[in-house]
Amino acid sequence: MGSKIHLFFFPSRLFAKALIIFFIITLSLQQIIRQTMPHDRNLRIHFGLKLPLLLSFLMSSIGIIKATDDEWVAVWATAEQLVEPHNCPPAPGLAGNTLRQIVQVSGGGETVRLRLSGEFSDADTEMLSVTLAEASSAGSSADIDESTLVSLTFDGHTAVTIPAGGFVLSDPIQFSLRPRMDVAITICYGQTSATSITGHPGSRTTSYLVTGSTDDFADAVPTDHWYHISAIHAVSGHSKRAIAVLGNSITDGRGTTT
């Protein structure tokens, strides 16, 4: 599954205004070029071809052209890697079992989707079901608010297989996401590798692993790692931007408690 790059999005009224301004400025500058360079046709053509690109850049820089509120924005994301052997899931392992992982989002929205990754795995990862719910804590327990529980689908199906070296996006779903909300992502696994796993070992929060397909986490095994979860995207009625933070393990929070 490939990714898409969206450069600009316009609400119809804003687009019309921007387009009018764009053409007025372009025509005016082209007229100035013709008057100031009457004998150099090649130079006029050179500047004339560059004008639309230059104006698009300037208009986007000053905010005449801006993204609409319908863009997907990452409200939570983590860096993925091939998980080292000593950071692989504890017994009973992922295959055939259920893992609940808790993350805290930065922003909110009413429509969300989940990105799951197997980009560093050399085997397919089968997931029988994936759910979202508001977590009762930032990871001190596996408890959730049952009234918020929603099941995700992937091309209309509750089960999904992440191809080796690839990723999947869930279908958009209505979910009331608040800024700084703790979200529990619960995955019931089918067949998956025990050693070739994509994840983020330094989660700085606790995940919970239980045997079998279940929603009973009373006897869950805790593990301070994330597996396969990559990002949560949200759409809301307010303009948003995302900040990507790059760094080493210090940036990741090494030394903090879970």
C-alpha atoms as a PDB file:
ATOM      1  CA  MET A   1       0.000   0.000   0.000  1.00  0.00           C
ATOM      2  CA  GLY A   2       1.502   3.303  -1.033  1.00  0.00           C
ATOM      3  CA  SER A   3       1.339   6.662   0.642  1.00  0.00           C
ATOM      4  CA  LYS A   4      -0.120   9.844  -0.823  1.00  0.00           C
ATOM      5  CA  ILE A   5       1.303  13.342  -0.754  1.00  0.00           C
ATOM      6  CA  HIS A   6      -1.170  16.211  -0.724  1.00  0.00           C
ATOM      7  CA  LEU A   7       0.308  19.594  -1.577  1.00  0.00           C
ATOM      8  CA  PHE A   8      -2.602  22.032  -1.355  1.00  0.00           C
ATOM      9  CA  PHE A   9      -6.301  21.802  -0.489  1.00  0.00           C
ATOM     10  CA  PHE A  10      -8.720  24.651  -1.138  1.00  0.00           C
ATOM     11  CA  PRO A  11     -12.215  25.310   0.151  1.00  0.00           C
ATOM     12  CA  SER A  12     -14.181  26.529  -2.892  1.00  0.00           C
ATOM     13  CA  ARG A  13     -14.525  30.175  -1.817  1.00  0.00           C
ATOM     14  CA  LEU A  14     -10.894  30.520  -0.756  1.00  0.00           C
ATOM     15  CA  PHE A  15      -9.780  28.806  -3.943  1.00  0.00           C
ATOM     16  CA  ALA A  16     -11.739  31.256  -6.103  1.00  0.00           C
ATOM     17  CA  LYS A  17     -10.253  34.267  -4.318  1.00  0.00           C
ATOM     18  CA  ALA A  18      -6.730  32.867  -4.488  1.00  0.00           C
ATOM     19  CA  LEU A  19      -7.118  32.020  -8.166  1.00  0.00           C
ATOM     20  CA  ILE A  20      -8.309  35.544  -9.022  1.00  0.00           C
ATOM     21  CA  ILE A  21      -5.423  37.114  -7.108  1.00  0.00           C
ATOM     22  CA  PHE A  22      -3.011  34.671  -8.743  1.00  0.00           C
ATOM     23  CA  PHE A  23      -4.060  35.613 -12.292  1.00  0.00           C
ATOM     24  CA  ILE A  24      -4.189  39.349 -11.603  1.00  0.00           C
ATOM     25  CA  ILE A  25      -0.647  39.361 -10.211  1.00  0.00           C
ATOM     26  CA  THR A  26       0.639  37.045 -12.958  1.00  0.00           C
ATOM     27  CA  LEU A  27      -0.813  39.157 -15.776  1.00  0.00           C
ATOM     28  CA  SER A  28       0.435  42.379 -14.185  1.00  0.00           C
ATOM     29  CA  LEU A  29       3.974  41.082 -13.769  1.00  0.00           C
ATOM     30  CA  GLN A  30       4.034  39.629 -17.273  1.00  0.00           C
ATOM     31  CA  GLN A  31       3.023  43.039 -18.623  1.00  0.00           C
ATOM     32  CA  ILE A  32       5.831  44.655 -16.644  1.00  0.00           C
ATOM     33  CA  ILE A  33       8.309  42.106 -18.028  1.00  0.00           C
ATOM     34  CA  ARG A  34       7.200  42.797 -21.604  1.00  0.00           C
ATOM     35  CA  GLN A  35       7.652  46.534 -21.079  1.00  0.00           C
ATOM     36  CA  THR A  36      11.044  46.323 -19.365  1.00  0.00           C
ATOM     37  CA  MET A  37      12.485  43.651 -21.678  1.00  0.00           C
ATOM     38  CA  PRO A  38      11.018  44.522 -25.098  1.00  0.00           C
ATOM     39  CA  HIS A  39      13.963  43.238 -27.150  1.00  0.00           C
ATOM     40  CA  ASP A  40      14.923  40.092 -25.234  1.00  0.00           C
ATOM     41  CA  ARG A  41      12.290  37.498 -26.127  1.00  0.00           C
ATOM     42  CA  ASN A  42      14.151  34.522 -24.569  1.00  0.00           C
ATOM     43  CA  LEU A  43      14.512  36.301 -21.245  1.00  0.00           C
ATOM     44  CA  ARG A  44      10.824  37.263 -21.279  1.00  0.00           C
ATOM     45  CA  ILE A  45       9.870  33.636 -21.864  1.00  0.00           C
ATOM     46  CA  HIS A  46      12.212  32.487 -19.090  1.00  0.00           C
ATOM     47  CA  PHE A  47      10.691  34.836 -16.513  1.00  0.00           C
ATOM     48  CA  GLY A  48       7.167  34.210 -17.772  1.00  0.00           C
ATOM     49  CA  LEU A  49       7.469  30.483 -17.211  1.00  0.00           C
ATOM     50  CA  LYS A  50       8.883  30.950 -13.718  1.00  0.00           C
ATOM     51  CA  LEU A  51       6.207  33.408 -12.553  1.00  0.00           C
ATOM     52  CA  PRO A  52       3.410  30.909 -11.771  1.00  0.00           C
ATOM     53  CA  LEU A  53       5.750  28.734  -9.705  1.00  0.00           C
ATOM     54  CA  LEU A  54       7.151  31.741  -7.842  1.00  0.00           C
ATOM     55  CA  LEU A  55       3.713  33.142  -7.105  1.00  0.00           C
ATOM     56  CA  SER A  56       2.407  29.784  -5.872  1.00  0.00           C
ATOM     57  CA  PHE A  57       5.309  29.618  -3.429  1.00  0.00           C
ATOM     58  CA  LEU A  58       4.805  33.194  -2.221  1.00  0.00           C
ATOM     59  CA  MET A  59       1.050  32.820  -1.817  1.00  0.00           C
ATOM     60  CA  SER A  60       1.405  29.607   0.170  1.00  0.00           C
ATOM     61  CA  SER A  61       4.103  31.237   2.327  1.00  0.00           C
ATOM     62  CA  ILE A  62       1.955  34.212   3.303  1.00  0.00           C
ATOM     63  CA  GLY A  63      -1.143  32.150   3.866  1.00  0.00           C
ATOM     64  CA  ILE A  64      -3.278  33.079   0.843  1.00  0.00           C
ATOM     65  CA  ILE A  65      -3.233  29.407  -0.003  1.00  0.00           C
ATOM     66  CA  LYS A  66      -3.605  27.200   3.003  1.00  0.00           C
ATOM     67  CA  ALA A  67      -4.743  23.717   3.913  1.00  0.00           C
ATOM     68  CA  THR A  68      -8.385  23.141   4.676  1.00  0.00           C
ATOM     69  CA  ASP A  69      -9.735  21.538   7.812  1.00  0.00           C
ATOM     70  CA  ASP A  70     -10.254  18.244   5.958  1.00  0.00           C
ATOM     71  CA  GLU A  71      -6.634  17.123   5.973  1.00  0.00           C
ATOM     72  CA  TRP A  72      -5.450  14.166   7.992  1.00  0.00           C
ATOM     73  CA  VAL A  73      -3.085  15.246  10.750  1.00  0.00           C
ATOM     74  CA  ALA A  74      -0.979  12.881  12.840  1.00  0.00           C
ATOM     75  CA  VAL A  75      -2.043  13.416  16.449  1.00  0.00           C
ATOM     76  CA  TRP A  76       0.187  10.601  17.644  1.00  0.00           C
ATOM     77  CA  ALA A  77       3.079   8.810  15.945  1.00  0.00           C
ATOM     78  CA  THR A  78       6.208   6.906  16.834  1.00  0.00           C
ATOM     79  CA  ALA A  79       9.420   5.880  15.089  1.00  0.00           C
ATOM     80  CA  GLU A  80       9.520   2.248  14.015  1.00  0.00           C
ATOM     81  CA  GLN A  81      12.400  -0.210  13.900  1.00  0.00           C
ATOM     82  CA  LEU A  82      13.139  -3.912  13.824  1.00  0.00           C
ATOM     83  CA  VAL A  83      12.703  -4.868  17.472  1.00  0.00           C
ATOM     84  CA  GLU A  84      15.840  -6.356  19.037  1.00  0.00           C
ATOM     85  CA  PRO A  85      15.629  -9.921  20.419  1.00  0.00           C
ATOM     86  CA  HIS A  86      15.727  -8.748  24.041  1.00  0.00           C
ATOM     87  CA  ASN A  87      12.831  -6.348  23.380  1.00  0.00           C
ATOM     88  CA  CYS A  88      10.537  -8.862  21.706  1.00  0.00           C
ATOM     89  CA  PRO A  89       7.184  -9.585  23.406  1.00  0.00           C
ATOM     90  CA  PRO A  90       7.308 -11.709  26.568  1.00  0.00           C
ATOM     91  CA  ALA A  91       5.492 -15.039  26.905  1.00  0.00           C
ATOM     92  CA  PRO A  92       2.899 -15.884  25.732  1.00  0.00           C
ATOM     93  CA  GLY A  93       3.979 -13.867  22.655  1.00  0.00           C
ATOM     94  CA  LEU A  94       1.790 -12.153  20.098  1.00  0.00           C
ATOM     95  CA  ALA A  95       0.585 -15.027  17.877  1.00  0.00           C
ATOM     96  CA  GLY A  96      -2.941 -16.041  18.836  1.00  0.00           C
ATOM     97  CA  ASN A  97      -3.041 -13.585  21.735  1.00  0.00           C
ATOM     98  CA  THR A  98      -4.308 -10.081  22.558  1.00  0.00           C
ATOM     99  CA  LEU A  99      -2.221  -6.967  23.162  1.00  0.00           C
ATOM    100  CA  ARG A 100      -3.492  -3.654  24.563  1.00  0.00           C
ATOM    101  CA  GLN A 101      -1.242  -0.647  23.993  1.00  0.00           C
ATOM    102  CA  ILE A 102      -1.859   2.834  25.355  1.00  0.00           C
ATOM    103  CA  VAL A 103      -0.835   6.116  23.726  1.00  0.00           C
ATOM    104  CA  GLN A 104      -1.559   9.776  24.435  1.00  0.00           C
ATOM    105  CA  VAL A 105      -2.606  11.946  21.513  1.00  0.00           C
ATOM    106  CA  SER A 106      -1.615  15.584  21.093  1.00  0.00           C
ATOM    107  CA  GLY A 107      -4.725  16.823  19.302  1.00  0.00           C
ATOM    108  CA  GLY A 108      -8.361  15.886  18.907  1.00  0.00           C
ATOM    109  CA  GLY A 109     -10.845  15.165  16.170  1.00  0.00           C
ATOM    110  CA  GLU A 110     -14.102  13.428  15.366  1.00  0.00           C
ATOM    111  CA  THR A 111     -12.817  11.184  12.556  1.00  0.00           C
ATOM    112  CA  VAL A 112      -9.743   9.019  13.042  1.00  0.00           C
ATOM    113  CA  ARG A 113      -7.749   6.252  11.419  1.00  0.00           C
ATOM    114  CA  LEU A 114      -4.911   4.047  12.633  1.00  0.00           C
ATOM    115  CA  ARG A 115      -1.650   3.258  10.848  1.00  0.00           C
ATOM    116  CA  LEU A 116      -0.162  -0.176  11.549  1.00  0.00           C
ATOM    117  CA  SER A 117       3.317  -1.098  10.388  1.00  0.00           C
ATOM    118  CA  GLY A 118       5.236  -4.200   9.434  1.00  0.00           C
ATOM    119  CA  GLU A 119       7.875  -2.231   7.557  1.00  0.00           C
ATOM    120  CA  PHE A 120      10.808  -3.900   9.325  1.00  0.00           C
ATOM    121  CA  SER A 121       9.301  -7.389   9.469  1.00  0.00           C
ATOM    122  CA  ASP A 122      10.255 -10.168   7.070  1.00  0.00           C
ATOM    123  CA  ALA A 123       6.953 -12.009   7.574  1.00  0.00           C
ATOM    124  CA  ASP A 124       3.276 -11.080   7.279  1.00  0.00           C
ATOM    125  CA  THR A 125       1.438 -10.031  10.440  1.00  0.00           C
ATOM    126  CA  GLU A 126      -2.131 -11.251  10.820  1.00  0.00           C
ATOM    127  CA  MET A 127      -4.548  -9.276  13.009  1.00  0.00           C
ATOM    128  CA  LEU A 128      -7.991 -10.732  13.651  1.00  0.00           C
ATOM    129  CA  SER A 129      -9.417  -7.557  15.179  1.00  0.00           C
ATOM    130  CA  VAL A 130      -8.336  -4.066  16.228  1.00  0.00           C
ATOM    131  CA  THR A 131     -10.254  -1.749  18.551  1.00  0.00           C
ATOM    132  CA  LEU A 132      -9.919   1.761  19.960  1.00  0.00           C
ATOM    133  CA  ALA A 133     -11.212   3.040  23.279  1.00  0.00           C
ATOM    134  CA  GLU A 134     -10.473   5.740  25.801  1.00  0.00           C
ATOM    135  CA  ALA A 135      -8.000   4.377  28.324  1.00  0.00           C
ATOM    136  CA  SER A 136      -8.615   4.889  32.030  1.00  0.00           C
ATOM    137  CA  SER A 137      -4.990   5.925  32.571  1.00  0.00           C
ATOM    138  CA  ALA A 138      -1.765   6.670  30.740  1.00  0.00           C
ATOM    139  CA  GLY A 139      -0.674   3.067  31.222  1.00  0.00           C
ATOM    140  CA  SER A 140      -0.886   2.304  34.925  1.00  0.00           C
ATOM    141  CA  SER A 141      -3.628  -0.216  34.120  1.00  0.00           C
ATOM    142  CA  ALA A 142      -5.245  -1.893  31.118  1.00  0.00           C
ATOM    143  CA  ASP A 143      -8.687  -0.532  32.020  1.00  0.00           C
ATOM    144  CA  ILE A 144     -10.771   1.286  29.401  1.00  0.00           C
ATOM    145  CA  ASP A 145     -14.052   3.172  29.207  1.00  0.00           C
ATOM    146  CA  GLU A 146     -16.180   0.441  27.629  1.00  0.00           C
ATOM    147  CA  SER A 147     -18.722   2.973  26.352  1.00  0.00           C
ATOM    148  CA  THR A 148     -16.116   4.403  23.960  1.00  0.00           C
ATOM    149  CA  LEU A 149     -15.042   1.066  22.442  1.00  0.00           C
ATOM    150  CA  VAL A 150     -15.093   0.967  18.625  1.00  0.00           C
ATOM    151  CA  SER A 151     -13.936  -1.732  16.193  1.00  0.00           C
ATOM    152  CA  LEU A 152     -11.761  -0.744  13.263  1.00  0.00           C
ATOM    153  CA  THR A 153     -12.147  -2.054   9.742  1.00  0.00           C
ATOM    154  CA  PHE A 154      -9.727  -2.327   6.854  1.00  0.00           C
ATOM    155  CA  ASP A 155     -11.359  -2.072   3.434  1.00  0.00           C
ATOM    156  CA  GLY A 156     -14.542  -3.043   5.242  1.00  0.00           C
ATOM    157  CA  HIS A 157     -13.104  -6.095   7.047  1.00  0.00           C
ATOM    158  CA  THR A 158     -12.332  -6.431  10.757  1.00  0.00           C
ATOM    159  CA  ALA A 159      -9.329  -8.678  10.071  1.00  0.00           C
ATOM    160  CA  VAL A 160      -6.237  -7.459   8.260  1.00  0.00           C
ATOM    161  CA  THR A 161      -2.820  -8.802   7.305  1.00  0.00           C
ATOM    162  CA  ILE A 162       0.110  -6.403   7.252  1.00  0.00           C
ATOM    163  CA  PRO A 163       2.422  -7.532   4.450  1.00  0.00           C
ATOM    164  CA  ALA A 164       6.090  -8.030   5.239  1.00  0.00           C
ATOM    165  CA  GLY A 165       7.822  -4.705   4.721  1.00  0.00           C
ATOM    166  CA  GLY A 166       4.517  -2.814   4.412  1.00  0.00           C
ATOM    167  CA  PHE A 167       1.859  -0.993   6.368  1.00  0.00           C
ATOM    168  CA  VAL A 168      -1.925  -0.627   6.464  1.00  0.00           C
ATOM    169  CA  LEU A 169      -4.343   2.184   7.240  1.00  0.00           C
ATOM    170  CA  SER A 170      -7.685   1.522   8.871  1.00  0.00           C
ATOM    171  CA  ASP A 171     -10.887   2.865   7.369  1.00  0.00           C
ATOM    172  CA  PRO A 172     -11.901   6.273   8.776  1.00  0.00           C
ATOM    173  CA  ILE A 173     -14.190   5.948  11.783  1.00  0.00           C
ATOM    174  CA  GLN A 174     -16.141   8.332  13.989  1.00  0.00           C
ATOM    175  CA  PHE A 175     -14.398   8.560  17.358  1.00  0.00           C
ATOM    176  CA  SER A 176     -14.479  11.511  19.746  1.00  0.00           C
ATOM    177  CA  LEU A 177     -10.817  12.201  20.291  1.00  0.00           C
ATOM    178  CA  ARG A 178      -9.863  14.946  22.758  1.00  0.00           C
ATOM    179  CA  PRO A 179      -6.457  16.629  22.973  1.00  0.00           C
ATOM    180  CA  ARG A 180      -4.177  14.810  25.465  1.00  0.00           C
ATOM    181  CA  MET A 181      -6.563  11.866  25.598  1.00  0.00           C
ATOM    182  CA  ASP A 182      -5.183   8.433  26.524  1.00  0.00           C
ATOM    183  CA  VAL A 183      -6.192   5.915  23.869  1.00  0.00           C
ATOM    184  CA  ALA A 184      -6.100   2.131  24.191  1.00  0.00           C
ATOM    185  CA  ILE A 185      -5.356   0.211  20.989  1.00  0.00           C
ATOM    186  CA  THR A 186      -6.243  -3.453  21.399  1.00  0.00           C
ATOM    187  CA  ILE A 187      -5.061  -5.987  18.815  1.00  0.00           C
ATOM    188  CA  CYS A 188      -6.053  -9.635  18.654  1.00  0.00           C
ATOM    189  CA  TYR A 189      -3.313 -11.366  16.671  1.00  0.00           C
ATOM    190  CA  GLY A 190      -3.476 -14.320  14.341  1.00  0.00           C
ATOM    191  CA  GLN A 191      -0.272 -15.712  12.879  1.00  0.00           C
ATOM    192  CA  THR A 192       2.796 -13.522  13.293  1.00  0.00           C
ATOM    193  CA  SER A 193       6.548 -13.890  13.656  1.00  0.00           C
ATOM    194  CA  ALA A 194       7.933 -14.211  17.175  1.00  0.00           C
ATOM    195  CA  THR A 195      11.255 -12.585  16.285  1.00  0.00           C
ATOM    196  CA  SER A 196      10.865 -10.369  13.191  1.00  0.00           C
ATOM    197  CA  ILE A 197       8.658  -7.643  14.645  1.00  0.00           C
ATOM    198  CA  THR A 198       8.221  -3.991  13.765  1.00  0.00           C
ATOM    199  CA  GLY A 199       7.831  -1.801  16.810  1.00  0.00           C
ATOM    200  CA  HIS A 200       9.102   0.905  19.114  1.00  0.00           C
ATOM    201  CA  PRO A 201      10.897  -0.564  22.150  1.00  0.00           C
ATOM    202  CA  GLY A 202      11.116   2.725  24.069  1.00  0.00           C
ATOM    203  CA  SER A 203       7.408   3.292  24.612  1.00  0.00           C
ATOM    204  CA  ARG A 204       7.888   4.809  28.101  1.00  0.00           C
ATOM    205  CA  THR A 205       4.498   3.385  28.964  1.00  0.00           C
ATOM    206  CA  THR A 206       3.124  -0.056  29.729  1.00  0.00           C
ATOM    207  CA  SER A 207       1.328  -2.391  27.313  1.00  0.00           C
ATOM    208  CA  TYR A 208      -0.633  -5.472  28.385  1.00  0.00           C
ATOM    209  CA  LEU A 209      -0.523  -8.948  26.829  1.00  0.00           C
ATOM    210  CA  VAL A 210      -3.025 -11.729  27.534  1.00  0.00           C
ATOM    211  CA  THR A 211      -3.473 -15.266  26.248  1.00  0.00           C
ATOM    212  CA  GLY A 212      -6.078 -15.877  23.574  1.00  0.00           C
ATOM    213  CA  SER A 213      -8.745 -13.646  22.072  1.00  0.00           C
ATOM    214  CA  THR A 214     -10.220 -11.876  25.078  1.00  0.00           C
ATOM    215  CA  ASP A 215     -11.169  -8.546  26.628  1.00  0.00           C
ATOM    216  CA  ASP A 216     -10.253  -9.735  30.132  1.00  0.00           C
ATOM    217  CA  PHE A 217      -6.909  -8.240  31.134  1.00  0.00           C
ATOM    218  CA  ALA A 218      -6.969  -9.232  34.804  1.00  0.00           C
ATOM    219  CA  ASP A 219      -4.008 -11.590  34.347  1.00  0.00           C
ATOM    220  CA  ALA A 220      -2.209  -9.584  31.679  1.00  0.00           C
ATOM    221  CA  VAL A 221       1.573  -9.641  31.340  1.00  0.00           C
ATOM    222  CA  PRO A 222       2.962  -6.087  31.286  1.00  0.00           C
ATOM    223  CA  THR A 223       5.601  -5.042  28.767  1.00  0.00           C
ATOM    224  CA  ASP A 224       7.053  -1.563  28.299  1.00  0.00           C
ATOM    225  CA  HIS A 225       7.127  -1.652  24.504  1.00  0.00           C
ATOM    226  CA  TRP A 226       4.914  -0.873  21.506  1.00  0.00           C
ATOM    227  CA  TYR A 227       4.446  -3.308  18.628  1.00  0.00           C
ATOM    228  CA  HIS A 228       3.131  -2.575  15.118  1.00  0.00           C
ATOM    229  CA  ILE A 229       1.272   0.639  16.039  1.00  0.00           C
ATOM    230  CA  SER A 230       2.674   3.525  14.022  1.00  0.00           C
ATOM    231  CA  ALA A 231       0.346   6.557  14.041  1.00  0.00           C
ATOM    232  CA  ILE A 232      -3.122   7.894  14.729  1.00  0.00           C
ATOM    233  CA  HIS A 233      -4.465  10.385  12.207  1.00  0.00           C
ATOM    234  CA  ALA A 234      -7.402  12.686  12.878  1.00  0.00           C
ATOM    235  CA  VAL A 235      -9.625  15.132  11.028  1.00  0.00           C
ATOM    236  CA  SER A 236     -11.350  17.921  12.919  1.00  0.00           C
ATOM    237  CA  GLY A 237     -13.180  21.162  12.267  1.00  0.00           C
ATOM    238  CA  HIS A 238     -10.167  23.250  13.206  1.00  0.00           C
ATOM    239  CA  SER A 239      -6.965  23.999  11.343  1.00  0.00           C
ATOM    240  CA  LYS A 240      -4.062  21.967  12.709  1.00  0.00           C
ATOM    241  CA  ARG A 241      -0.399  21.430  12.093  1.00  0.00           C
ATOM    242  CA  ALA A 242       1.919  18.628  13.199  1.00  0.00           C
ATOM    243  CA  ILE A 243       5.486  18.853  14.502  1.00  0.00           C
ATOM    244  CA  ALA A 244       7.938  16.013  13.873  1.00  0.00           C
ATOM    245  CA  VAL A 245      10.656  15.726  16.529  1.00  0.00           C
ATOM    246  CA  LEU A 246      13.933  14.098  15.493  1.00  0.00           C
ATOM    247  CA  GLY A 247      16.621  12.951  17.898  1.00  0.00           C
ATOM    248  CA  ASN A 248      18.172  10.109  19.809  1.00  0.00           C
ATOM    249  CA  SER A 249      16.988   8.162  22.835  1.00  0.00           C
ATOM    250  CA  ILE A 250      17.068  11.306  24.971  1.00  0.00           C
ATOM    251  CA  THR A 251      14.475  12.888  22.689  1.00  0.00           C
ATOM    252  CA  ASP A 252      12.512   9.653  23.051  1.00  0.00           C
ATOM    253  CA  GLY A 253      12.424  10.105  26.813  1.00  0.00           C
ATOM    254  CA  ARG A 254      15.071   7.652  27.956  1.00  0.00           C
ATOM    255  CA  GLY A 255      15.411   7.705  31.720  1.00  0.00           C
ATOM    256  CA  THR A 256      11.794   8.616  32.391  1.00  0.00           C
ATOM    257  CA  THR A 257       9.513   6.269  34.280  1.00  0.00           C
ATOM    258  CA  THR A 258       6.519   4.446  32.853  1.00  0.00           C
END
